[in-house]
Every structure is written in structure tokens, then in C-alpha cells.
C-alpha atoms as a PDB file:
ATOM      1  CA  MET A   1     128.638 167.052  87.432  1.00  0.00           C
ATOM      2  CA  GLY A   2     129.296 165.027  90.573  1.00  0.00           C
ATOM      3  CA  GLN A   3     128.570 161.629  92.024  1.00  0.00           C
ATOM      4  CA  LEU A   4     125.405 160.614  93.843  1.00  0.00           C
ATOM      5  CA  ILE A   5     124.804 160.991  97.570  1.00  0.00           C
ATOM      6  CA  TRP A   6     121.965 158.675  98.531  1.00  0.00           C
ATOM      7  CA  LEU A   7     119.338 159.771 101.055  1.00  0.00           C
ATOM      8  CA  ALA A   8     117.894 156.392 101.922  1.00  0.00           C
ATOM      9  CA  SER A   9     115.216 155.055 104.224  1.00  0.00           C
ATOM     10  CA  PHE A  10     112.343 152.629 104.475  1.00  0.00           C
ATOM     11  CA  PRO A  11     109.160 154.532 103.515  1.00  0.00           C
ATOM     12  CA  LYS A  12     107.799 156.922 106.177  1.00  0.00           C
ATOM     13  CA  SER A  13     110.998 156.958 108.208  1.00  0.00           C
ATOM     14  CA  GLY A  14     112.146 160.585 107.972  1.00  0.00           C
ATOM     15  CA  ASN A  15     113.555 160.880 104.459  1.00  0.00           C
ATOM     16  CA  THR A  16     111.618 164.052 103.677  1.00  0.00           C
ATOM     17  CA  TRP A  17     112.674 165.571 107.002  1.00  0.00           C
ATOM     18  CA  LEU A  18     116.320 164.872 106.156  1.00  0.00           C
ATOM     19  CA  ARG A  19     115.955 166.352 102.674  1.00  0.00           C
ATOM     20  CA  THR A  20     114.179 169.426 104.026  1.00  0.00           C
ATOM     21  CA  PHE A  21     116.965 170.050 106.536  1.00  0.00           C
ATOM     22  CA  LEU A  22     119.700 169.703 103.914  1.00  0.00           C
ATOM     23  CA  HIS A  23     117.799 171.920 101.492  1.00  0.00           C
ATOM     24  CA  HIS A  24     117.567 174.727 104.038  1.00  0.00           C
ATOM     25  CA  LEU A  25     121.148 174.225 105.236  1.00  0.00           C
ATOM     26  CA  LEU A  26     122.622 174.497 101.746  1.00  0.00           C
ATOM     27  CA  ILE A  27     120.308 177.190 100.363  1.00  0.00           C
ATOM     28  CA  ASN A  28     120.251 179.170 103.635  1.00  0.00           C
ATOM     29  CA  PRO A  29     117.016 181.062 102.832  1.00  0.00           C
ATOM     30  CA  PRO A  30     115.739 183.865 105.087  1.00  0.00           C
ATOM     31  CA  ALA A  31     112.369 182.103 105.458  1.00  0.00           C
ATOM     32  CA  PRO A  32     111.075 178.515 105.204  1.00  0.00           C
ATOM     33  CA  LEU A  33     110.745 177.151 101.673  1.00  0.00           C
ATOM     34  CA  PRO A  34     107.597 175.433 100.331  1.00  0.00           C
ATOM     35  CA  PRO A  35     107.981 171.626 100.397  1.00  0.00           C
ATOM     36  CA  ASP A  36     107.651 171.251  96.634  1.00  0.00           C
ATOM     37  CA  GLN A  37     110.896 173.161  96.152  1.00  0.00           C
ATOM     38  CA  LEU A  38     112.693 169.985  97.235  1.00  0.00           C
ATOM     39  CA  ILE A  39     112.681 168.952  93.574  1.00  0.00           C
ATOM     40  CA  ARG A  40     115.162 171.766  92.940  1.00  0.00           C
ATOM     41  CA  PHE A  41     117.540 170.139  95.390  1.00  0.00           C
ATOM     42  CA  THR A  42     117.135 166.365  95.110  1.00  0.00           C
ATOM     43  CA  VAL A  43     116.061 163.815  92.541  1.00  0.00           C
ATOM     44  CA  GLY A  44     114.092 160.637  93.146  1.00  0.00           C
ATOM     45  CA  ASP A  45     115.578 157.388  91.913  1.00  0.00           C
ATOM     46  CA  SER A  46     112.182 155.922  90.979  1.00  0.00           C
ATOM     47  CA  MET A  47     110.943 158.803  88.808  1.00  0.00           C
ATOM     48  CA  ARG A  48     109.885 157.266  85.507  1.00  0.00           C
ATOM     49  CA  VAL A  49     110.876 160.352  83.496  1.00  0.00           C
ATOM     50  CA  TRP A  50     114.562 159.448  84.005  1.00  0.00           C
ATOM     51  CA  TYR A  51     113.965 155.956  82.646  1.00  0.00           C
ATOM     52  CA  ASP A  52     111.952 157.216  79.677  1.00  0.00           C
ATOM     53  CA  LYS A  53     114.770 159.604  78.797  1.00  0.00           C
ATOM     54  CA  VAL A  54     117.477 156.937  78.930  1.00  0.00           C
ATOM     55  CA  ALA A  55     115.350 154.371  77.087  1.00  0.00           C
ATOM     56  CA  GLY A  56     114.346 156.889  74.446  1.00  0.00           C
ATOM     57  CA  LYS A  57     110.735 155.755  74.735  1.00  0.00           C
ATOM     58  CA  PRO A  58     107.980 155.307  77.341  1.00  0.00           C
ATOM     59  CA  THR A  59     108.903 152.643  79.873  1.00  0.00           C
ATOM     60  CA  GLN A  60     105.482 151.987  81.329  1.00  0.00           C
ATOM     61  CA  GLY A  61     104.674 148.392  80.487  1.00  0.00           C
ATOM     62  CA  MET A  62     108.300 147.265  80.513  1.00  0.00           C
ATOM     63  CA  THR A  63     109.136 144.199  82.579  1.00  0.00           C
ATOM     64  CA  GLU A  64     111.011 144.529  85.866  1.00  0.00           C
ATOM     65  CA  ALA A  65     114.040 142.926  84.197  1.00  0.00           C
ATOM     66  CA  GLU A  66     113.989 145.568  81.460  1.00  0.00           C
ATOM     67  CA  ILE A  67     113.733 148.345  84.051  1.00  0.00           C
ATOM     68  CA  ALA A  68     116.568 146.770  86.049  1.00  0.00           C
ATOM     69  CA  ALA A  69     118.786 146.756  82.969  1.00  0.00           C
ATOM     70  CA  LEU A  70     118.238 150.500  82.548  1.00  0.00           C
ATOM     71  CA  ARG A  71     118.964 151.362  86.174  1.00  0.00           C
ATOM     72  CA  PRO A  72     122.794 151.782  86.018  1.00  0.00           C
ATOM     73  CA  ARG A  73     122.502 154.091  83.001  1.00  0.00           C
ATOM     74  CA  VAL A  74     119.685 156.031  84.646  1.00  0.00           C
ATOM     75  CA  GLN A  75     121.725 156.574  87.794  1.00  0.00           C
ATOM     76  CA  ALA A  76     124.735 157.609  85.717  1.00  0.00           C
ATOM     77  CA  SER A  77     122.543 160.178  83.969  1.00  0.00           C
ATOM     78  CA  MET A  78     121.435 161.547  87.348  1.00  0.00           C
ATOM     79  CA  THR A  79     124.992 162.704  88.036  1.00  0.00           C
ATOM     80  CA  GLY A  80     124.348 165.497  85.546  1.00  0.00           C
ATOM     81  CA  ALA A  81     121.248 166.808  87.324  1.00  0.00           C
ATOM     82  CA  PHE A  82     123.250 169.464  89.199  1.00  0.00           C
ATOM     83  CA  PRO A  83     126.776 170.883  88.815  1.00  0.00           C
ATOM     84  CA  ASP A  84     128.094 169.318  92.022  1.00  0.00           C
ATOM     85  CA  SER A  85     127.214 166.175  93.977  1.00  0.00           C
ATOM     86  CA  VAL A  86     123.605 165.097  93.485  1.00  0.00           C
ATOM     87  CA  PHE A  87     121.397 164.121  96.424  1.00  0.00           C
ATOM     88  CA  VAL A  88     119.104 161.237  95.479  1.00  0.00           C
ATOM     89  CA  LYS A  89     116.112 160.114  97.510  1.00  0.00           C
ATOM     90  CA  THR A  90     115.566 156.369  97.590  1.00  0.00           C
ATOM     91  CA  HIS A  91     113.379 153.860  99.395  1.00  0.00           C
ATOM     92  CA  SER A  92     115.149 150.993  97.665  1.00  0.00           C
ATOM     93  CA  MET A  93     116.929 148.314  99.601  1.00  0.00           C
ATOM     94  CA  LEU A  94     120.651 148.003  98.915  1.00  0.00           C
ATOM     95  CA  GLY A  95     121.022 144.895  96.820  1.00  0.00           C
ATOM     96  CA  GLU A  96     120.379 143.389  93.397  1.00  0.00           C
ATOM     97  CA  ARG A  97     117.408 142.471  91.246  1.00  0.00           C
ATOM     98  CA  ASP A  98     117.592 140.489  88.014  1.00  0.00           C
ATOM     99  CA  GLY A  99     121.388 140.436  88.292  1.00  0.00           C
ATOM    100  CA  THR A 100     121.701 144.232  88.345  1.00  0.00           C
ATOM    101  CA  PRO A 101     122.563 146.381  91.395  1.00  0.00           C
ATOM    102  CA  LEU A 102     119.712 148.551  92.635  1.00  0.00           C
ATOM    103  CA  ILE A 103     122.296 151.161  93.663  1.00  0.00           C
ATOM    104  CA  SER A 104     125.216 151.704  91.291  1.00  0.00           C
ATOM    105  CA  GLU A 105     128.509 151.914  93.177  1.00  0.00           C
ATOM    106  CA  ALA A 106     130.201 153.330  90.088  1.00  0.00           C
ATOM    107  CA  VAL A 107     128.420 156.675  90.481  1.00  0.00           C
ATOM    108  CA  THR A 108     128.029 156.697  94.285  1.00  0.00           C
ATOM    109  CA  ALA A 109     129.959 159.072  96.529  1.00  0.00           C
ATOM    110  CA  GLY A 110     128.175 158.025  99.726  1.00  0.00           C
ATOM    111  CA  GLY A 111     124.887 158.271 101.516  1.00  0.00           C
ATOM    112  CA  ILE A 112     122.836 158.890 104.633  1.00  0.00           C
ATOM    113  CA  TYR A 113     120.426 156.267 105.966  1.00  0.00           C
ATOM    114  CA  VAL A 114     117.551 157.104 108.322  1.00  0.00           C
ATOM    115  CA  VAL A 115     116.094 154.347 110.488  1.00  0.00           C
ATOM    116  CA  ARG A 116     112.867 154.675 112.502  1.00  0.00           C
ATOM    117  CA  ASP A 117     111.097 152.526 115.097  1.00  0.00           C
ATOM    118  CA  PRO A 118     109.017 150.099 112.990  1.00  0.00           C
ATOM    119  CA  ARG A 119     106.119 150.371 115.418  1.00  0.00           C
ATOM    120  CA  ASP A 120     105.753 154.025 114.434  1.00  0.00           C
ATOM    121  CA  VAL A 121     106.475 153.267 110.778  1.00  0.00           C
ATOM    122  CA  ALA A 122     103.484 150.912 110.772  1.00  0.00           C
ATOM    123  CA  ILE A 123     101.129 153.733 111.763  1.00  0.00           C
ATOM    124  CA  SER A 124     102.535 156.344 109.396  1.00  0.00           C
ATOM    125  CA  GLY A 125     102.857 153.864 106.544  1.00  0.00           C
ATOM    126  CA  ALA A 126      99.278 152.648 106.912  1.00  0.00           C
ATOM    127  CA  ASP A 127      98.017 156.213 106.501  1.00  0.00           C
ATOM    128  CA  HIS A 128     100.290 156.914 103.535  1.00  0.00           C
ATOM    129  CA  PHE A 129      99.550 153.725 101.601  1.00  0.00           C
ATOM    130  CA  GLY A 130      95.841 153.562 102.427  1.00  0.00           C
ATOM    131  CA  LEU A 131      96.198 150.298 104.346  1.00  0.00           C
ATOM    132  CA  SER A 132      94.964 149.065 107.677  1.00  0.00           C
ATOM    133  CA  ILE A 133      97.657 148.864 110.329  1.00  0.00           C
ATOM    134  CA  ASP A 134      97.535 145.066 110.155  1.00  0.00           C
ATOM    135  CA  GLU A 135      98.017 145.202 106.380  1.00  0.00           C
ATOM    136  CA  MET A 136     100.971 147.551 106.826  1.00  0.00           C
ATOM    137  CA  ILE A 137     102.505 145.201 109.380  1.00  0.00           C
ATOM    138  CA  ASP A 138     102.173 142.398 106.817  1.00  0.00           C
ATOM    139  CA  LYS A 139     103.817 144.583 104.157  1.00  0.00           C
ATOM    140  CA  MET A 140     106.702 145.429 106.484  1.00  0.00           C
ATOM    141  CA  ALA A 141     107.385 141.712 106.985  1.00  0.00           C
ATOM    142  CA  ASP A 142     107.345 140.882 103.256  1.00  0.00           C
ATOM    143  CA  THR A 143     110.819 140.527 101.737  1.00  0.00           C
ATOM    144  CA  ARG A 144     109.197 140.863  98.300  1.00  0.00           C
ATOM    145  CA  ALA A 145     107.526 144.184  99.123  1.00  0.00           C
ATOM    146  CA  ILE A 146     107.620 146.818  96.406  1.00  0.00           C
ATOM    147  CA  ALA A 147     106.375 150.365  95.924  1.00  0.00           C
ATOM    148  CA  GLY A 148     105.629 152.448  92.863  1.00  0.00           C
ATOM    149  CA  GLY A 149     105.099 150.855  89.489  1.00  0.00           C
ATOM    150  CA  ASP A 150     102.667 153.542  88.365  1.00  0.00           C
ATOM    151  CA  VAL A 151     102.542 156.257  85.722  1.00  0.00           C
ATOM    152  CA  LYS A 152     105.123 158.444  87.462  1.00  0.00           C
ATOM    153  CA  HIS A 153     107.296 155.856  89.187  1.00  0.00           C
ATOM    154  CA  VAL A 154     109.064 152.640  88.286  1.00  0.00           C
ATOM    155  CA  VAL A 155     108.961 149.806  90.798  1.00  0.00           C
ATOM    156  CA  THR A 156     111.074 150.263  93.930  1.00  0.00           C
ATOM    157  CA  HIS A 157     112.263 147.067  95.590  1.00  0.00           C
ATOM    158  CA  VAL A 158     111.745 147.884  99.255  1.00  0.00           C
ATOM    159  CA  SER A 159     111.811 144.417 100.880  1.00  0.00           C
ATOM    160  CA  SER A 160     110.878 143.992 104.547  1.00  0.00           C
ATOM    161  CA  TRP A 161     111.702 146.564 107.200  1.00  0.00           C
ATOM    162  CA  SER A 162     114.405 144.329 108.686  1.00  0.00           C
ATOM    163  CA  GLN A 163     115.986 143.417 105.362  1.00  0.00           C
ATOM    164  CA  HIS A 164     115.943 147.052 104.293  1.00  0.00           C
ATOM    165  CA  VAL A 165     117.763 148.074 107.461  1.00  0.00           C
ATOM    166  CA  ILE A 166     120.238 145.202 107.202  1.00  0.00           C
ATOM    167  CA  SER A 167     121.003 145.942 103.565  1.00  0.00           C
ATOM    168  CA  TRP A 168     122.092 149.508 104.311  1.00  0.00           C
ATOM    169  CA  THR A 169     123.651 149.104 107.768  1.00  0.00           C
ATOM    170  CA  ALA A 170     124.974 145.562 108.301  1.00  0.00           C
ATOM    171  CA  GLN A 171     128.387 146.419 106.858  1.00  0.00           C
ATOM    172  CA  PRO A 172     128.811 150.118 107.603  1.00  0.00           C
ATOM    173  CA  LEU A 173     131.160 151.880 105.228  1.00  0.00           C
ATOM    174  CA  PRO A 174     132.915 155.197 105.928  1.00  0.00           C
ATOM    175  CA  GLN A 175     131.051 156.884 103.087  1.00  0.00           C
ATOM    176  CA  PHE A 176     127.666 156.031 104.654  1.00  0.00           C
ATOM    177  CA  HIS A 177     126.202 157.723 107.718  1.00  0.00           C
ATOM    178  CA  VAL A 178     123.326 156.226 109.743  1.00  0.00           C
ATOM    179  CA  VAL A 179     120.949 158.276 111.899  1.00  0.00           C
ATOM    180  CA  ARG A 180     117.836 157.450 113.889  1.00  0.00           C
ATOM    181  CA  TYR A 181     114.616 159.382 113.356  1.00  0.00           C
ATOM    182  CA  GLU A 182     114.229 159.559 117.123  1.00  0.00           C
ATOM    183  CA  ASP A 183     117.598 161.292 117.519  1.00  0.00           C
ATOM    184  CA  MET A 184     116.652 163.812 114.832  1.00  0.00           C
ATOM    185  CA  GLU A 185     113.658 164.642 117.025  1.00  0.00           C
ATOM    186  CA  GLN A 186     115.175 164.415 120.503  1.00  0.00           C
ATOM    187  CA  ALA A 187     118.750 165.601 119.885  1.00  0.00           C
ATOM    188  CA  PRO A 188     118.484 167.789 116.773  1.00  0.00           C
ATOM    189  CA  PHE A 189     121.633 169.876 117.178  1.00  0.00           C
ATOM    190  CA  LYS A 190     123.850 166.869 117.775  1.00  0.00           C
ATOM    191  CA  THR A 191     122.210 164.748 115.076  1.00  0.00           C
ATOM    192  CA  PHE A 192     121.854 167.334 112.325  1.00  0.00           C
ATOM    193  CA  GLY A 193     125.243 168.787 113.188  1.00  0.00           C
ATOM    194  CA  GLY A 194     126.685 165.294 112.737  1.00  0.00           C
ATOM    195  CA  ILE A 195     125.035 165.047 109.333  1.00  0.00           C
ATOM    196  CA  ALA A 196     126.583 168.363 108.304  1.00  0.00           C
ATOM    197  CA  ARG A 197     130.033 167.247 109.468  1.00  0.00           C
ATOM    198  CA  PHE A 198     129.686 163.940 107.627  1.00  0.00           C
ATOM    199  CA  LEU A 199     129.085 165.913 104.428  1.00  0.00           C
ATOM    200  CA  GLY A 200     132.189 167.994 105.089  1.00  0.00           C
ATOM    201  CA  LEU A 201     130.196 171.103 105.975  1.00  0.00           C
ATOM    202  CA  LYS A 202     131.053 173.462 108.804  1.00  0.00           C
ATOM    203  CA  PRO A 203     128.051 175.805 108.992  1.00  0.00           C
ATOM    204  CA  PRO A 204     128.048 178.645 111.527  1.00  0.00           C
ATOM    205  CA  ARG A 205     125.830 177.879 114.519  1.00  0.00           C
ATOM    206  CA  ASP A 206     123.155 180.364 113.449  1.00  0.00           C
ATOM    207  CA  ARG A 207     122.923 178.788 109.992  1.00  0.00           C
ATOM    208  CA  LEU A 208     122.608 175.293 111.464  1.00  0.00           C
ATOM    209  CA  ASP A 209     120.000 176.512 113.967  1.00  0.00           C
ATOM    210  CA  ARG A 210     117.982 178.138 111.200  1.00  0.00           C
ATOM    211  CA  ALA A 211     118.040 175.010 109.024  1.00  0.00           C
ATOM    212  CA  ILE A 212     116.880 172.906 111.969  1.00  0.00           C
ATOM    213  CA  LYS A 213     114.101 175.376 112.781  1.00  0.00           C
ATOM    214  CA  PHE A 214     112.902 175.716 109.184  1.00  0.00           C
ATOM    215  CA  SER A 215     112.762 171.926 108.797  1.00  0.00           C
ATOM    216  CA  SER A 216     111.004 171.330 112.128  1.00  0.00           C
ATOM    217  CA  PHE A 217     107.720 169.466 111.981  1.00  0.00           C
ATOM    218  CA  LYS A 218     105.512 172.389 112.972  1.00  0.00           C
ATOM    219  CA  VAL A 219     107.072 174.637 110.324  1.00  0.00           C
ATOM    220  CA  VAL A 220     106.883 172.112 107.468  1.00  0.00           C
ATOM    221  CA  GLN A 221     103.329 171.187 108.435  1.00  0.00           C
ATOM    222  CA  ASN A 222     102.368 174.857 108.177  1.00  0.00           C
ATOM    223  CA  GLN A 223     104.164 175.112 104.833  1.00  0.00           C
ATOM    224  CA  GLU A 224     102.225 172.120 103.525  1.00  0.00           C
ATOM    225  CA  ALA A 225      98.950 173.702 104.690  1.00  0.00           C
ATOM    226  CA  LYS A 226      99.822 176.912 102.813  1.00  0.00           C
ATOM    227  CA  HIS A 227     101.392 175.529  99.649  1.00  0.00           C
ATOM    228  CA  GLY A 228     100.477 171.853  99.418  1.00  0.00           C
ATOM    229  CA  PHE A 229     102.974 169.064  98.769  1.00  0.00           C
ATOM    230  CA  GLN A 230     103.063 166.895  95.666  1.00  0.00           C
ATOM    231  CA  GLU A 231     104.471 163.926  97.597  1.00  0.00           C
ATOM    232  CA  ARG A 232     101.288 163.654  99.670  1.00  0.00           C
ATOM    233  CA  SER A 233      99.557 160.371  99.001  1.00  0.00           C
ATOM    234  CA  GLY A 234      96.015 160.410  97.672  1.00  0.00           C
ATOM    235  CA  HIS A 235      95.159 158.249 100.680  1.00  0.00           C
ATOM    236  CA  SER A 236      96.274 160.889 103.206  1.00  0.00           C
ATOM    237  CA  GLN A 237      94.840 164.229 104.239  1.00  0.00           C
ATOM    238  CA  ARG A 238      98.360 165.463 105.014  1.00  0.00           C
ATOM    239  CA  PHE A 239     101.886 164.286 104.292  1.00  0.00           C
ATOM    240  CA  PHE A 240     103.226 165.771 107.534  1.00  0.00           C
ATOM    241  CA  ARG A 241     100.775 164.029 109.831  1.00  0.00           C
ATOM    242  CA  VAL A 242     102.035 163.840 113.436  1.00  0.00           C
ATOM    243  CA  GLY A 243     105.829 163.741 113.414  1.00  0.00           C
ATOM    244  CA  LYS A 244     106.240 162.358 116.920  1.00  0.00           C
ATOM    245  CA  SER A 245     108.041 159.282 118.165  1.00  0.00           C
ATOM    246  CA  GLY A 246     106.209 156.781 120.323  1.00  0.00           C
ATOM    247  CA  GLN A 247     102.777 157.083 118.689  1.00  0.00           C
ATOM    248  CA  TRP A 248     102.557 153.309 118.758  1.00  0.00           C
ATOM    249  CA  LYS A 249     102.101 153.253 122.534  1.00  0.00           C
ATOM    250  CA  ALA A 250      98.632 154.781 122.259  1.00  0.00           C
ATOM    251  CA  THR A 251      97.666 153.412 118.844  1.00  0.00           C
ATOM    252  CA  LEU A 252      98.777 149.816 118.367  1.00  0.00           C
ATOM    253  CA  THR A 253      97.113 146.877 120.064  1.00  0.00           C
ATOM    254  CA  PRO A 254      99.242 144.530 122.191  1.00  0.00           C
ATOM    255  CA  ALA A 255      98.914 141.909 119.441  1.00  0.00           C
ATOM    256  CA  GLN A 256     100.175 144.354 116.803  1.00  0.00           C
ATOM    257  CA  VAL A 257     103.128 145.354 118.966  1.00  0.00           C
ATOM    258  CA  ALA A 258     103.968 141.697 119.577  1.00  0.00           C
ATOM    259  CA  ARG A 259     103.825 140.938 115.846  1.00  0.00           C
ATOM    260  CA  ILE A 260     106.196 143.770 114.915  1.00  0.00           C
ATOM    261  CA  GLU A 261     108.621 142.886 117.684  1.00  0.00           C
ATOM    262  CA  ALA A 262     108.561 139.215 116.658  1.00  0.00           C
ATOM    263  CA  ASP A 263     109.151 140.105 113.004  1.00  0.00           C
ATOM    264  CA  HIS A 264     111.882 142.679 113.561  1.00  0.00           C
ATOM    265  CA  GLY A 265     113.232 142.177 117.071  1.00  0.00           C
ATOM    266  CA  GLU A 266     116.850 141.597 116.076  1.00  0.00           C
ATOM    267  CA  GLN A 267     117.176 144.872 114.177  1.00  0.00           C
ATOM    268  CA  MET A 268     115.075 146.739 116.742  1.00  0.00           C
ATOM    269  CA  ARG A 269     117.552 145.713 119.425  1.00  0.00           C
ATOM    270  CA  ARG A 270     120.467 146.840 117.239  1.00  0.00           C
ATOM    271  CA  PHE A 271     119.050 150.352 117.158  1.00  0.00           C
ATOM    272  CA  GLY A 272     117.833 150.572 120.748  1.00  0.00           C
ATOM    273  CA  TYR A 273     114.110 150.108 120.159  1.00  0.00           C
ATOM    274  CA  LEU A 274     113.941 147.082 122.461  1.00  0.00           C
END
């Protein structure tokens, strides 16, 4: 049993890519693993089954306040998911709801946060959530935005793109590491090597190279085509859709670009997007 290491991001910002890399780095398989094997490596903080287990009864239909009250106990129970530290995927902002922390410091060892250009997030998120791009832009500007709240997932308090980024990065702590999606794509050895070092790992170069290769977009897209992926939204034909930075230049209208930059300009400048 160990503490939790959070793998955090706004939705459609590279969380699955990060998890896939870490899975291959730690397992070191001779060939790429099917995407659904990620559940053997990480847990999701919104999975309702954890809440049902802690509550001792079905939680669907509970109020958000009742779910919030369960959250610290649920996260404490997650520490027993694996013998060592437990990697936990989250799209939650870092904050409180109904007087209860969304992320329990008591069971947290640290975390990695992935940030992505919101202009590209708008395109990928629209496809994933079954929204128009304009609707996704609205969602990204809504500080009350949530996800989940269905049969399999409790509600995740996402907030706006800017508030999500601020919540995880405004006061950087030594036990949290921040990476940009674009650097994962454009400088993989430096970026993924930095992630490994942050976790206290010193993999041989060939092992690091293999983990980067096996988690590359082309490889995981082929794996999804062969094996499927349970995290694919019912709104999308594929989970791994394009995987390229800068899609917004050919896809968004000038008005859409202006709206995103007006909504999120301060944080975009912080991370070199403007």
C-alpha cells in the first residue's frame, strides 16, 4: 500500500498519453500493450464502483454533497489498489466542493499535470463530448463545468480551462510536476525523461526509448483499431483521433480563436501559447 500519485489534466489534454507512457515504462513489455490494460496500472478517481464500495450501497442518486463527503474515504481506499504507490487519473480541478477537498492531501504523494493549448482542446473535446466546437468553447469557459454523473462515474468538478490550470499550477509544489502536451509531442525524450526523473526513475536509454515508441500516437491508434478502447466516448469514432498540435489553425474560425484567447489569454501566455 502506498500513497496516491495524481495524473491530472483538463479533459482531452494528454492524460491517456501520459498514462500509456508510464504503463510501458514500468511494465517494460516486449510489444505494445492494448489500451484497456491501463486499468491494471491506474485507477480513475471518478469510478462509481469505489464510492459504492465505501458507502456499502449504490451511490447513484446521491446528492453531490453526499458524494463529496465520501470522497476522502474513497481516495484513502484507493491507496490499497496496488502494493506500491497508486497512479490515479483525474480530470478534477484542485479545490473544494461542499466543504470537502476534491483531492485529499492526506493520501497524496504527488502528481503530474498535463496542460494543452485550449484551442486544440476545444476541437478534441467537442468530438469526445458530442458537442459543437462553439458549445465546447462555452463549456471550457464555465467555472461550474462538470463531467460524469452517470451509471459508471460520479460527478467530476472540472471548472473552466483557466481555473483548472490555475488550480493545479498557480502555486507549484515540489511534489507536483507540470508538462505541456506540445513538449510531449515535440521534445519527447527530454519531456518523458523529465517525467521519469521526477518519479525517481532512472531507466536505461533503450527502455525509455521503447516506452516512448510504444506510447506514440501512431502505435496507440493502431492498438485501438485492433483491440478497441473502453474509454472511447459513444460520440466518437475513435479515442485516439489526430494527436497533433496546432489543429486549431486549420479548423477554428477567427471568431472562435478570438473567443478562446479572450477567455483564457492570461493562462495561455503563462504556458507560451500566446
